[in-house]
Amino acid sequence: MSGLRVRPAGRHALLVELPDGERTGALHAELLRRRAAGTLAPVAEIVPGACTILLDGVRDPAALSRQLTSLDVPSTARAEGDVVTIPVVYDGPDLADVAALWGVAEDEVPALHASFTYRVAFCGFAPGFGYLTGLPEPLHVPRRDTPRTRVPAGAVALAGPYSAVYPRATPGGWQLIGSMPDPSVLWDPDREQAALLSPGTRVRYRSVPS
């Protein structure tokens, strides 16, 4: 895979560095597929980041490193697995600003944003918060110059190459374009898998009336 670098991370771990989130997501999906199929060298944990993947509990780091550098992985993640659909009321306070950055009318933002299939590249910041890749580069937007002290739970947001939904009220500097009517499903500690969005999950947004 082009642009891939493998570094040791202690005695039983490897850190894989990649040039961008799309290739990181593609490799992460391929590693999970190979581990499930039993064709990946033994590894206990596969932890994706923005442009890295940590492989921990590696029985034979040298063997796994050789396997990684020889993998032929597509530059984007494969379209496999179920798709999580997130309903969105496109009523965010930054909708007009995003429309201006995209060079479209404000009422065109919902259909454009919902026209892509996204994939959770990694999770962090808050429980249930997934960083979704899938926006084409011309639609990447900067963070706000002044972050908000409180972003409400369910806010649908954009920043750089990522889209996300805030599972709980927190400070934040992303551009807010809408809201999810029931964000409680994003993180449920009583559910077997607490996070609705886990790395590798495919996501579609669907515009709904307010």
N, C-alpha and C. Protein backbone atom coordinates (compact mmCIF):
# COMPACT_ATOMS: atom_id res chain seq x y z
N MET A 1 0.86 -1.20 0.00
CA MET A 1 0.00 0.00 0.00
C MET A 1 0.89 1.24 0.00
N SER A 2 0.68 2.17 -0.93
CA SER A 2 1.54 3.34 -1.05
C SER A 2 1.39 4.26 0.15
N GLY A 3 2.52 4.84 0.57
CA GLY A 3 2.51 5.80 1.66
C GLY A 3 2.46 5.20 3.04
N LEU A 4 2.50 3.89 3.15
CA LEU A 4 2.40 3.22 4.45
C LEU A 4 3.78 3.10 5.09
N ARG A 5 3.85 3.43 6.38
CA ARG A 5 5.08 3.25 7.16
C ARG A 5 4.75 2.48 8.43
N VAL A 6 5.59 1.53 8.77
CA VAL A 6 5.37 0.71 9.97
C VAL A 6 6.51 0.96 10.94
N ARG A 7 6.16 1.32 12.17
CA ARG A 7 7.17 1.59 13.20
C ARG A 7 6.91 0.69 14.42
N PRO A 8 7.97 0.26 15.08
CA PRO A 8 7.76 -0.49 16.32
C PRO A 8 7.22 0.42 17.41
N ALA A 9 6.35 -0.11 18.26
CA ALA A 9 5.80 0.64 19.40
C ALA A 9 5.90 -0.25 20.62
N GLY A 10 7.09 -0.36 21.16
CA GLY A 10 7.34 -1.30 22.25
C GLY A 10 7.64 -2.69 21.69
N ARG A 11 7.64 -3.68 22.58
CA ARG A 11 8.06 -5.04 22.19
C ARG A 11 6.97 -5.80 21.45
N HIS A 12 5.71 -5.46 21.70
CA HIS A 12 4.62 -6.27 21.14
C HIS A 12 3.57 -5.42 20.42
N ALA A 13 4.01 -4.32 19.83
CA ALA A 13 3.05 -3.46 19.12
C ALA A 13 3.73 -2.80 17.93
N LEU A 14 2.90 -2.45 16.95
CA LEU A 14 3.35 -1.73 15.77
C LEU A 14 2.44 -0.53 15.55
N LEU A 15 3.02 0.56 15.07
CA LEU A 15 2.25 1.74 14.71
C LEU A 15 2.37 1.93 13.20
N VAL A 16 1.23 1.87 12.53
CA VAL A 16 1.19 2.05 11.08
C VAL A 16 0.80 3.50 10.80
N GLU A 17 1.59 4.19 10.01
CA GLU A 17 1.32 5.58 9.65
C GLU A 17 0.91 5.65 8.19
N LEU A 18 -0.14 6.42 7.92
CA LEU A 18 -0.67 6.56 6.56
C LEU A 18 -0.85 8.03 6.22
N PRO A 19 -0.92 8.35 4.92
CA PRO A 19 -0.97 9.77 4.55
C PRO A 19 -2.29 10.47 4.75
N ASP A 20 -3.40 9.73 4.85
CA ASP A 20 -4.69 10.40 4.99
C ASP A 20 -5.71 9.45 5.61
N GLY A 21 -6.86 10.04 5.99
CA GLY A 21 -7.90 9.27 6.66
C GLY A 21 -8.56 8.24 5.78
N GLU A 22 -8.67 8.50 4.47
CA GLU A 22 -9.31 7.54 3.58
C GLU A 22 -8.51 6.25 3.52
N ARG A 23 -7.19 6.37 3.35
CA ARG A 23 -6.37 5.15 3.29
C ARG A 23 -6.29 4.47 4.67
N THR A 24 -6.35 5.27 5.72
CA THR A 24 -6.38 4.68 7.06
C THR A 24 -7.64 3.84 7.24
N GLY A 25 -8.78 4.39 6.83
CA GLY A 25 -10.03 3.65 6.92
C GLY A 25 -10.03 2.40 6.06
N ALA A 26 -9.45 2.51 4.86
CA ALA A 26 -9.39 1.36 3.97
C ALA A 26 -8.55 0.24 4.57
N LEU A 27 -7.37 0.61 5.12
CA LEU A 27 -6.51 -0.41 5.71
C LEU A 27 -7.15 -1.01 6.96
N HIS A 28 -7.78 -0.17 7.79
CA HIS A 28 -8.43 -0.67 9.00
C HIS A 28 -9.50 -1.70 8.65
N ALA A 29 -10.32 -1.39 7.64
CA ALA A 29 -11.36 -2.33 7.22
C ALA A 29 -10.75 -3.64 6.71
N GLU A 30 -9.65 -3.52 5.98
CA GLU A 30 -9.01 -4.72 5.43
C GLU A 30 -8.38 -5.56 6.55
N LEU A 31 -7.79 -4.92 7.54
CA LEU A 31 -7.20 -5.66 8.65
C LEU A 31 -8.27 -6.40 9.45
N LEU A 32 -9.40 -5.75 9.69
CA LEU A 32 -10.50 -6.42 10.40
C LEU A 32 -11.01 -7.61 9.60
N ARG A 33 -11.12 -7.44 8.29
CA ARG A 33 -11.59 -8.54 7.43
C ARG A 33 -10.62 -9.72 7.48
N ARG A 34 -9.33 -9.41 7.40
CA ARG A 34 -8.33 -10.49 7.40
C ARG A 34 -8.23 -11.18 8.76
N ARG A 35 -8.38 -10.40 9.83
CA ARG A 35 -8.34 -11.03 11.16
C ARG A 35 -9.54 -11.97 11.33
N ALA A 36 -10.73 -11.53 10.87
CA ALA A 36 -11.92 -12.38 10.97
C ALA A 36 -11.77 -13.64 10.12
N ALA A 37 -11.06 -13.53 9.00
CA ALA A 37 -10.87 -14.67 8.11
C ALA A 37 -9.71 -15.56 8.54
N GLY A 38 -8.93 -15.09 9.53
CA GLY A 38 -7.79 -15.88 10.00
C GLY A 38 -6.57 -15.78 9.11
N THR A 39 -6.50 -14.74 8.27
CA THR A 39 -5.36 -14.61 7.36
C THR A 39 -4.42 -13.48 7.77
N LEU A 40 -4.64 -12.90 8.95
CA LEU A 40 -3.76 -11.87 9.46
C LEU A 40 -2.91 -12.47 10.57
N ALA A 41 -1.62 -12.11 10.59
CA ALA A 41 -0.75 -12.56 11.68
C ALA A 41 -1.38 -12.18 13.02
N PRO A 42 -1.24 -13.02 14.05
CA PRO A 42 -1.94 -12.79 15.31
C PRO A 42 -1.71 -11.41 15.91
N VAL A 43 -2.81 -10.74 16.27
CA VAL A 43 -2.77 -9.43 16.90
C VAL A 43 -3.98 -9.32 17.82
N ALA A 44 -3.77 -8.75 19.02
CA ALA A 44 -4.86 -8.68 20.00
C ALA A 44 -5.79 -7.50 19.75
N GLU A 45 -5.24 -6.33 19.41
CA GLU A 45 -6.07 -5.13 19.25
C GLU A 45 -5.65 -4.37 18.00
N ILE A 46 -6.65 -3.80 17.32
CA ILE A 46 -6.43 -2.95 16.15
C ILE A 46 -7.13 -1.64 16.44
N VAL A 47 -6.36 -0.57 16.66
CA VAL A 47 -6.92 0.70 17.13
C VAL A 47 -6.62 1.79 16.10
N PRO A 48 -7.65 2.26 15.36
CA PRO A 48 -7.41 3.30 14.36
C PRO A 48 -7.37 4.69 14.95
N GLY A 49 -6.58 5.57 14.33
CA GLY A 49 -6.58 6.99 14.64
C GLY A 49 -6.84 7.76 13.37
N ALA A 50 -6.54 9.07 13.37
CA ALA A 50 -6.80 9.89 12.19
C ALA A 50 -6.00 9.40 10.99
N CYS A 51 -4.71 9.20 11.18
CA CYS A 51 -3.84 8.73 10.09
C CYS A 51 -2.89 7.65 10.60
N THR A 52 -3.29 6.93 11.63
CA THR A 52 -2.47 5.85 12.19
C THR A 52 -3.36 4.68 12.57
N ILE A 53 -2.74 3.51 12.67
CA ILE A 53 -3.40 2.33 13.23
C ILE A 53 -2.40 1.67 14.17
N LEU A 54 -2.81 1.49 15.42
CA LEU A 54 -1.97 0.82 16.40
C LEU A 54 -2.37 -0.65 16.46
N LEU A 55 -1.40 -1.52 16.29
CA LEU A 55 -1.60 -2.97 16.39
C LEU A 55 -0.91 -3.43 17.67
N ASP A 56 -1.69 -3.84 18.64
CA ASP A 56 -1.14 -4.19 19.95
C ASP A 56 -1.34 -5.68 20.21
N GLY A 57 -0.50 -6.23 21.10
CA GLY A 57 -0.57 -7.65 21.38
C GLY A 57 -0.13 -8.48 20.19
N VAL A 58 0.94 -8.05 19.53
CA VAL A 58 1.44 -8.71 18.32
C VAL A 58 2.41 -9.82 18.72
N ARG A 59 2.11 -11.02 18.29
CA ARG A 59 2.95 -12.16 18.66
C ARG A 59 4.31 -12.11 17.97
N ASP A 60 4.31 -11.75 16.68
CA ASP A 60 5.55 -11.71 15.90
C ASP A 60 5.57 -10.40 15.11
N PRO A 61 6.09 -9.31 15.73
CA PRO A 61 6.07 -8.01 15.07
C PRO A 61 6.76 -8.00 13.71
N ALA A 62 7.86 -8.71 13.58
CA ALA A 62 8.58 -8.70 12.31
C ALA A 62 7.74 -9.33 11.19
N ALA A 63 7.08 -10.43 11.50
CA ALA A 63 6.25 -11.10 10.50
C ALA A 63 5.06 -10.23 10.10
N LEU A 64 4.43 -9.60 11.09
CA LEU A 64 3.28 -8.75 10.78
C LEU A 64 3.71 -7.52 10.00
N SER A 65 4.88 -6.97 10.33
CA SER A 65 5.38 -5.81 9.60
C SER A 65 5.59 -6.15 8.13
N ARG A 66 6.14 -7.32 7.86
CA ARG A 66 6.33 -7.74 6.46
C ARG A 66 4.99 -7.91 5.75
N GLN A 67 4.02 -8.47 6.45
CA GLN A 67 2.70 -8.65 5.85
C GLN A 67 2.05 -7.31 5.54
N LEU A 68 2.18 -6.35 6.44
CA LEU A 68 1.57 -5.05 6.24
C LEU A 68 2.15 -4.33 5.03
N THR A 69 3.45 -4.36 4.90
CA THR A 69 4.09 -3.63 3.80
C THR A 69 3.81 -4.27 2.44
N SER A 70 3.36 -5.52 2.44
CA SER A 70 3.08 -6.19 1.17
C SER A 70 1.59 -6.20 0.82
N LEU A 71 0.74 -5.63 1.70
CA LEU A 71 -0.70 -5.65 1.44
C LEU A 71 -1.05 -4.77 0.25
N ASP A 72 -1.96 -5.26 -0.57
CA ASP A 72 -2.51 -4.47 -1.68
C ASP A 72 -3.93 -4.06 -1.28
N VAL A 73 -4.04 -2.83 -0.78
CA VAL A 73 -5.32 -2.34 -0.26
C VAL A 73 -5.77 -1.17 -1.12
N PRO A 74 -7.03 -1.11 -1.51
CA PRO A 74 -7.52 0.04 -2.29
C PRO A 74 -7.40 1.33 -1.48
N SER A 75 -7.35 2.47 -2.17
CA SER A 75 -7.16 3.76 -1.50
C SER A 75 -8.37 4.19 -0.71
N THR A 76 -9.54 3.57 -0.93
CA THR A 76 -10.73 3.86 -0.16
C THR A 76 -11.30 2.57 0.40
N ALA A 77 -12.03 2.70 1.50
CA ALA A 77 -12.58 1.53 2.17
C ALA A 77 -13.63 0.84 1.30
N ARG A 78 -13.70 -0.46 1.37
CA ARG A 78 -14.67 -1.22 0.61
C ARG A 78 -16.08 -0.99 1.14
N ALA A 79 -17.03 -1.07 0.25
CA ALA A 79 -18.44 -0.88 0.63
C ALA A 79 -19.00 -2.19 1.14
N GLU A 80 -18.67 -2.53 2.38
CA GLU A 80 -19.14 -3.77 2.99
C GLU A 80 -19.82 -3.46 4.32
N GLY A 81 -20.71 -4.33 4.73
CA GLY A 81 -21.36 -4.19 6.03
C GLY A 81 -22.60 -3.33 5.97
N ASP A 82 -23.33 -3.35 7.07
CA ASP A 82 -24.57 -2.58 7.15
C ASP A 82 -24.28 -1.08 7.18
N VAL A 83 -25.27 -0.31 6.81
CA VAL A 83 -25.17 1.14 6.82
C VAL A 83 -26.07 1.69 7.92
N VAL A 84 -25.53 2.54 8.78
CA VAL A 84 -26.31 3.22 9.80
C VAL A 84 -26.84 4.52 9.20
N THR A 85 -28.15 4.71 9.27
CA THR A 85 -28.77 5.93 8.74
C THR A 85 -29.06 6.89 9.89
N ILE A 86 -28.60 8.12 9.75
CA ILE A 86 -28.79 9.14 10.77
C ILE A 86 -29.74 10.21 10.24
N PRO A 87 -30.93 10.34 10.84
CA PRO A 87 -31.86 11.39 10.42
C PRO A 87 -31.34 12.76 10.87
N VAL A 88 -31.51 13.75 10.02
CA VAL A 88 -30.99 15.09 10.34
C VAL A 88 -32.03 16.14 9.98
N VAL A 89 -32.29 17.04 10.91
CA VAL A 89 -33.02 18.27 10.62
C VAL A 89 -31.95 19.32 10.30
N TYR A 90 -31.92 19.77 9.07
CA TYR A 90 -30.86 20.70 8.65
C TYR A 90 -31.25 22.13 9.04
N ASP A 91 -30.99 22.46 10.29
CA ASP A 91 -31.38 23.74 10.86
C ASP A 91 -30.24 24.37 11.65
N GLY A 92 -29.00 23.98 11.37
CA GLY A 92 -27.87 24.43 12.17
C GLY A 92 -27.55 25.90 12.01
N PRO A 93 -26.97 26.51 13.03
CA PRO A 93 -26.66 27.95 13.00
C PRO A 93 -25.56 28.31 12.00
N ASP A 94 -24.77 27.32 11.55
CA ASP A 94 -23.70 27.61 10.60
C ASP A 94 -24.05 27.17 9.18
N LEU A 95 -25.33 26.88 8.94
CA LEU A 95 -25.74 26.38 7.63
C LEU A 95 -25.42 27.39 6.52
N ALA A 96 -25.71 28.66 6.77
CA ALA A 96 -25.46 29.69 5.76
C ALA A 96 -23.96 29.84 5.49
N ASP A 97 -23.15 29.76 6.55
CA ASP A 97 -21.70 29.89 6.38
C ASP A 97 -21.14 28.73 5.57
N VAL A 98 -21.64 27.52 5.85
CA VAL A 98 -21.17 26.36 5.10
C VAL A 98 -21.60 26.45 3.64
N ALA A 99 -22.83 26.91 3.40
CA ALA A 99 -23.30 27.09 2.03
C ALA A 99 -22.39 28.05 1.27
N ALA A 100 -21.99 29.13 1.92
CA ALA A 100 -21.10 30.10 1.28
C ALA A 100 -19.73 29.48 0.98
N LEU A 101 -19.22 28.69 1.91
CA LEU A 101 -17.93 28.03 1.70
C LEU A 101 -18.01 27.01 0.57
N TRP A 102 -19.15 26.35 0.45
CA TRP A 102 -19.34 25.37 -0.61
C TRP A 102 -19.71 26.01 -1.94
N GLY A 103 -20.12 27.25 -1.92
CA GLY A 103 -20.51 27.93 -3.14
C GLY A 103 -21.86 27.48 -3.67
N VAL A 104 -22.79 27.15 -2.74
CA VAL A 104 -24.12 26.71 -3.12
C VAL A 104 -25.15 27.51 -2.33
N ALA A 105 -26.41 27.38 -2.74
CA ALA A 105 -27.48 28.01 -1.98
C ALA A 105 -27.68 27.27 -0.66
N GLU A 106 -28.17 27.97 0.34
CA GLU A 106 -28.35 27.37 1.66
C GLU A 106 -29.25 26.14 1.61
N ASP A 107 -30.30 26.19 0.78
CA ASP A 107 -31.23 25.05 0.73
C ASP A 107 -30.68 23.87 -0.06
N GLU A 108 -29.48 24.02 -0.64
CA GLU A 108 -28.84 22.91 -1.35
C GLU A 108 -27.92 22.09 -0.43
N VAL A 109 -27.58 22.63 0.73
CA VAL A 109 -26.64 21.95 1.63
C VAL A 109 -27.18 20.60 2.09
N PRO A 110 -28.45 20.47 2.52
CA PRO A 110 -28.92 19.17 3.01
C PRO A 110 -28.76 18.05 1.98
N ALA A 111 -29.21 18.26 0.76
CA ALA A 111 -29.12 17.20 -0.25
C ALA A 111 -27.67 16.86 -0.57
N LEU A 112 -26.81 17.87 -0.60
CA LEU A 112 -25.40 17.63 -0.90
C LEU A 112 -24.72 16.85 0.22
N HIS A 113 -24.94 17.29 1.45
CA HIS A 113 -24.33 16.60 2.59
C HIS A 113 -24.82 15.17 2.70
N ALA A 114 -26.10 14.94 2.40
CA ALA A 114 -26.69 13.61 2.54
C ALA A 114 -26.46 12.72 1.31
N SER A 115 -25.76 13.22 0.31
CA SER A 115 -25.58 12.45 -0.92
C SER A 115 -24.40 11.48 -0.85
N PHE A 116 -23.59 11.56 0.20
CA PHE A 116 -22.39 10.74 0.30
C PHE A 116 -22.57 9.61 1.31
N THR A 117 -21.83 8.54 1.11
CA THR A 117 -21.72 7.49 2.12
C THR A 117 -20.44 7.75 2.90
N TYR A 118 -20.57 7.82 4.22
CA TYR A 118 -19.44 8.12 5.08
C TYR A 118 -18.97 6.83 5.77
N ARG A 119 -17.80 6.89 6.35
CA ARG A 119 -17.28 5.77 7.14
C ARG A 119 -16.61 6.30 8.39
N VAL A 120 -16.87 5.65 9.52
CA VAL A 120 -16.24 6.06 10.77
C VAL A 120 -14.76 5.71 10.72
N ALA A 121 -13.91 6.72 10.69
CA ALA A 121 -12.48 6.49 10.64
C ALA A 121 -11.94 6.11 12.01
N PHE A 122 -12.39 6.82 13.04
CA PHE A 122 -11.97 6.53 14.41
C PHE A 122 -12.93 7.24 15.35
N CYS A 123 -12.84 6.93 16.62
CA CYS A 123 -13.72 7.52 17.64
C CYS A 123 -12.87 8.21 18.70
N GLY A 124 -13.44 9.22 19.32
CA GLY A 124 -12.72 9.92 20.37
C GLY A 124 -13.45 11.17 20.78
N PHE A 125 -12.79 12.02 21.55
CA PHE A 125 -13.30 13.31 22.04
C PHE A 125 -14.36 13.11 23.11
N ALA A 126 -15.39 12.33 22.84
CA ALA A 126 -16.44 12.04 23.80
C ALA A 126 -16.98 10.64 23.50
N PRO A 127 -17.52 9.93 24.48
CA PRO A 127 -18.06 8.59 24.22
C PRO A 127 -19.13 8.63 23.12
N GLY A 128 -18.94 7.80 22.10
CA GLY A 128 -19.90 7.74 21.00
C GLY A 128 -19.64 8.72 19.88
N PHE A 129 -18.58 9.53 19.98
CA PHE A 129 -18.28 10.53 18.95
C PHE A 129 -17.42 9.88 17.88
N GLY A 130 -17.98 9.73 16.67
CA GLY A 130 -17.25 9.14 15.56
C GLY A 130 -16.84 10.18 14.55
N TYR A 131 -15.59 10.10 14.10
CA TYR A 131 -15.08 10.98 13.06
C TYR A 131 -15.34 10.31 11.71
N LEU A 132 -16.23 10.90 10.91
CA LEU A 132 -16.66 10.28 9.67
C LEU A 132 -15.95 10.90 8.47
N THR A 133 -15.31 10.06 7.68
CA THR A 133 -14.72 10.52 6.43
C THR A 133 -15.68 10.24 5.28
N GLY A 134 -15.47 10.93 4.17
CA GLY A 134 -16.31 10.71 3.00
C GLY A 134 -16.65 11.98 2.25
N LEU A 135 -16.43 13.14 2.87
CA LEU A 135 -16.65 14.40 2.17
C LEU A 135 -15.53 14.62 1.16
N PRO A 136 -15.86 14.94 -0.08
CA PRO A 136 -14.80 15.26 -1.05
C PRO A 136 -14.01 16.48 -0.59
N GLU A 137 -12.78 16.57 -0.99
CA GLU A 137 -11.90 17.65 -0.53
C GLU A 137 -12.46 19.05 -0.80
N PRO A 138 -13.13 19.30 -1.94
CA PRO A 138 -13.67 20.66 -2.15
C PRO A 138 -14.72 21.07 -1.12
N LEU A 139 -15.27 20.10 -0.37
CA LEU A 139 -16.29 20.41 0.63
C LEU A 139 -15.74 20.44 2.06
N HIS A 140 -14.44 20.30 2.21
CA HIS A 140 -13.84 20.43 3.54
C HIS A 140 -13.96 21.88 4.01
N VAL A 141 -14.32 22.06 5.28
CA VAL A 141 -14.51 23.41 5.81
C VAL A 141 -13.65 23.58 7.07
N PRO A 142 -13.22 24.80 7.37
CA PRO A 142 -12.42 25.03 8.58
C PRO A 142 -13.28 25.01 9.83
N ARG A 143 -12.63 24.80 10.96
CA ARG A 143 -13.31 24.99 12.23
C ARG A 143 -13.64 26.47 12.43
N ARG A 144 -14.57 26.74 13.31
CA ARG A 144 -14.93 28.11 13.62
C ARG A 144 -13.74 28.84 14.27
N ASP A 145 -13.63 30.14 13.98
CA ASP A 145 -12.57 30.93 14.61
C ASP A 145 -12.74 30.98 16.11
N THR A 146 -14.01 31.02 16.57
CA THR A 146 -14.29 31.07 18.00
C THR A 146 -15.16 29.86 18.36
N PRO A 147 -14.62 28.90 19.10
CA PRO A 147 -15.43 27.73 19.49
C PRO A 147 -16.59 28.13 20.38
N ARG A 148 -17.64 27.32 20.34
CA ARG A 148 -18.78 27.53 21.23
C ARG A 148 -18.50 26.88 22.58
N THR A 149 -18.98 27.49 23.63
CA THR A 149 -18.80 26.90 24.97
C THR A 149 -19.73 25.72 25.18
N ARG A 150 -20.82 25.65 24.39
CA ARG A 150 -21.74 24.53 24.51
C ARG A 150 -22.35 24.21 23.15
N VAL A 151 -22.08 23.00 22.67
CA VAL A 151 -22.73 22.47 21.46
C VAL A 151 -23.75 21.45 21.94
N PRO A 152 -25.01 21.55 21.54
CA PRO A 152 -26.02 20.64 22.07
C PRO A 152 -25.85 19.22 21.57
N ALA A 153 -26.31 18.26 22.35
CA ALA A 153 -26.31 16.86 21.92
C ALA A 153 -27.13 16.73 20.64
N GLY A 154 -26.62 15.94 19.71
CA GLY A 154 -27.32 15.72 18.46
C GLY A 154 -26.90 16.65 17.34
N ALA A 155 -26.07 17.65 17.64
CA ALA A 155 -25.64 18.58 16.60
C ALA A 155 -24.84 17.85 15.53
N VAL A 156 -25.18 18.09 14.28
CA VAL A 156 -24.47 17.51 13.15
C VAL A 156 -23.48 18.55 12.67
N ALA A 157 -22.22 18.16 12.57
CA ALA A 157 -21.16 19.15 12.42
C ALA A 157 -20.13 18.74 11.38
N LEU A 158 -19.41 19.74 10.89
CA LEU A 158 -18.34 19.55 9.92
C LEU A 158 -17.09 20.27 10.40
N ALA A 159 -15.93 19.67 10.12
CA ALA A 159 -14.65 20.32 10.38
C ALA A 159 -13.57 19.60 9.58
N GLY A 160 -12.86 20.35 8.74
CA GLY A 160 -11.83 19.72 7.92
C GLY A 160 -12.44 18.64 7.05
N PRO A 161 -11.85 17.43 7.03
CA PRO A 161 -12.38 16.35 6.20
C PRO A 161 -13.49 15.55 6.87
N TYR A 162 -13.88 15.93 8.10
CA TYR A 162 -14.76 15.09 8.89
C TYR A 162 -16.18 15.65 9.02
N SER A 163 -17.11 14.72 9.17
CA SER A 163 -18.47 15.02 9.61
C SER A 163 -18.68 14.24 10.90
N ALA A 164 -19.58 14.72 11.77
CA ALA A 164 -19.81 14.04 13.04
C ALA A 164 -21.13 14.47 13.63
N VAL A 165 -21.58 13.70 14.63
CA VAL A 165 -22.76 14.05 15.41
C VAL A 165 -22.35 14.05 16.88
N TYR A 166 -22.62 15.14 17.58
CA TYR A 166 -22.25 15.23 18.99
C TYR A 166 -23.21 14.36 19.82
N PRO A 167 -22.70 13.33 20.52
CA PRO A 167 -23.58 12.48 21.30
C PRO A 167 -24.02 13.09 22.63
N ARG A 168 -23.32 14.13 23.05
CA ARG A 168 -23.67 14.80 24.30
C ARG A 168 -23.29 16.26 24.18
N ALA A 169 -23.82 17.10 25.07
CA ALA A 169 -23.51 18.52 25.04
C ALA A 169 -22.09 18.75 25.53
N THR A 170 -21.28 19.40 24.71
CA THR A 170 -19.89 19.69 25.05
C THR A 170 -19.48 21.00 24.37
N PRO A 171 -18.36 21.59 24.77
CA PRO A 171 -17.80 22.69 23.97
C PRO A 171 -17.38 22.14 22.60
N GLY A 172 -17.28 23.01 21.61
CA GLY A 172 -16.85 22.54 20.30
C GLY A 172 -16.69 23.67 19.31
N GLY A 173 -15.81 23.46 18.34
CA GLY A 173 -15.53 24.49 17.36
C GLY A 173 -15.89 24.11 15.94
N TRP A 174 -16.69 23.04 15.77
CA TRP A 174 -17.05 22.60 14.43
C TRP A 174 -18.21 23.45 13.89
N GLN A 175 -18.39 23.40 12.57
CA GLN A 175 -19.49 24.10 11.91
C GLN A 175 -20.77 23.26 12.06
N LEU A 176 -21.81 23.84 12.62
CA LEU A 176 -23.05 23.11 12.91
C LEU A 176 -24.06 23.34 11.79
N ILE A 177 -24.46 22.24 11.12
CA ILE A 177 -25.38 22.39 9.99
C ILE A 177 -26.75 21.75 10.25
N GLY A 178 -26.90 21.03 11.34
CA GLY A 178 -28.19 20.39 11.59
C GLY A 178 -28.22 19.74 12.95
N SER A 179 -29.27 18.93 13.17
CA SER A 179 -29.41 18.24 14.45
C SER A 179 -30.08 16.88 14.24
N MET A 180 -29.67 15.94 15.05
CA MET A 180 -30.26 14.60 15.05
C MET A 180 -31.37 14.59 16.10
N PRO A 181 -32.61 14.23 15.71
CA PRO A 181 -33.72 14.32 16.66
C PRO A 181 -33.52 13.53 17.95
N ASP A 182 -32.92 12.34 17.88
CA ASP A 182 -32.75 11.52 19.09
C ASP A 182 -31.30 11.05 19.18
N PRO A 183 -30.41 11.87 19.75
CA PRO A 183 -29.00 11.49 19.83
C PRO A 183 -28.68 10.44 20.88
N SER A 184 -29.68 10.06 21.70
CA SER A 184 -29.41 9.09 22.78
C SER A 184 -28.96 7.74 22.23
N VAL A 185 -29.30 7.44 20.98
CA VAL A 185 -28.91 6.15 20.41
C VAL A 185 -27.42 6.09 20.08
N LEU A 186 -26.75 7.24 20.06
CA LEU A 186 -25.33 7.24 19.72
C LEU A 186 -24.49 6.58 20.80
N TRP A 187 -24.92 6.71 22.04
CA TRP A 187 -24.16 6.12 23.16
C TRP A 187 -25.12 5.62 24.21
N ASP A 188 -25.16 4.31 24.38
CA ASP A 188 -26.05 3.68 25.35
C ASP A 188 -25.24 2.68 26.16
N PRO A 189 -24.80 3.05 27.37
CA PRO A 189 -23.94 2.16 28.16
C PRO A 189 -24.61 0.85 28.55
N ASP A 190 -25.94 0.79 28.43
CA ASP A 190 -26.64 -0.45 28.76
C ASP A 190 -26.73 -1.40 27.56
N ARG A 191 -26.32 -0.93 26.40
CA ARG A 191 -26.34 -1.76 25.20
C ARG A 191 -25.05 -2.58 25.13
N GLU A 192 -25.11 -3.76 24.52
CA GLU A 192 -23.92 -4.62 24.43
C GLU A 192 -22.78 -3.89 23.75
N GLN A 193 -23.06 -3.22 22.64
CA GLN A 193 -22.08 -2.33 22.01
C GLN A 193 -22.56 -0.91 22.27
N ALA A 194 -21.95 -0.25 23.24
CA ALA A 194 -22.46 1.03 23.71
C ALA A 194 -22.50 2.09 22.61
N ALA A 195 -21.47 2.12 21.77
CA ALA A 195 -21.39 3.12 20.71
C ALA A 195 -22.10 2.64 19.46
N LEU A 196 -23.01 3.45 18.95
CA LEU A 196 -23.68 3.12 17.69
C LEU A 196 -22.69 3.15 16.53
N LEU A 197 -21.75 4.09 16.59
CA LEU A 197 -20.77 4.27 15.52
C LEU A 197 -19.41 3.78 15.99
N SER A 198 -18.93 2.72 15.39
CA SER A 198 -17.61 2.19 15.71
C SER A 198 -16.74 2.27 14.46
N PRO A 199 -15.42 2.25 14.62
CA PRO A 199 -14.55 2.37 13.45
C PRO A 199 -14.90 1.36 12.36
N GLY A 200 -14.99 1.87 11.14
CA GLY A 200 -15.34 1.04 10.00
C GLY A 200 -16.80 1.08 9.61
N THR A 201 -17.67 1.55 10.52
CA THR A 201 -19.11 1.61 10.24
C THR A 201 -19.39 2.58 9.10
N ARG A 202 -20.23 2.16 8.16
CA ARG A 202 -20.68 3.06 7.09
C ARG A 202 -21.91 3.82 7.55
N VAL A 203 -22.00 5.08 7.16
CA VAL A 203 -23.05 5.97 7.64
C VAL A 203 -23.63 6.77 6.47
N ARG A 204 -24.96 6.90 6.46
CA ARG A 204 -25.65 7.82 5.55
C ARG A 204 -26.48 8.79 6.38
N TYR A 205 -26.55 10.03 5.95
CA TYR A 205 -27.44 11.01 6.56
C TYR A 205 -28.72 11.09 5.73
N ARG A 206 -29.83 11.34 6.41
CA ARG A 206 -31.12 11.46 5.74
C ARG A 206 -31.84 12.70 6.26
N SER A 207 -32.18 13.59 5.35
CA SER A 207 -32.86 14.82 5.73
C SER A 207 -34.30 14.52 6.15
N VAL A 208 -34.70 15.07 7.30
CA VAL A 208 -36.06 14.91 7.80
C VAL A 208 -36.62 16.26 8.16
N PRO A 209 -37.95 16.41 8.15
CA PRO A 209 -38.53 17.71 8.50
C PRO A 209 -38.38 18.01 9.98
N SER A 210 -38.43 19.28 10.32
CA SER A 210 -38.28 19.69 11.72
C SER A 210 -39.59 19.43 12.48
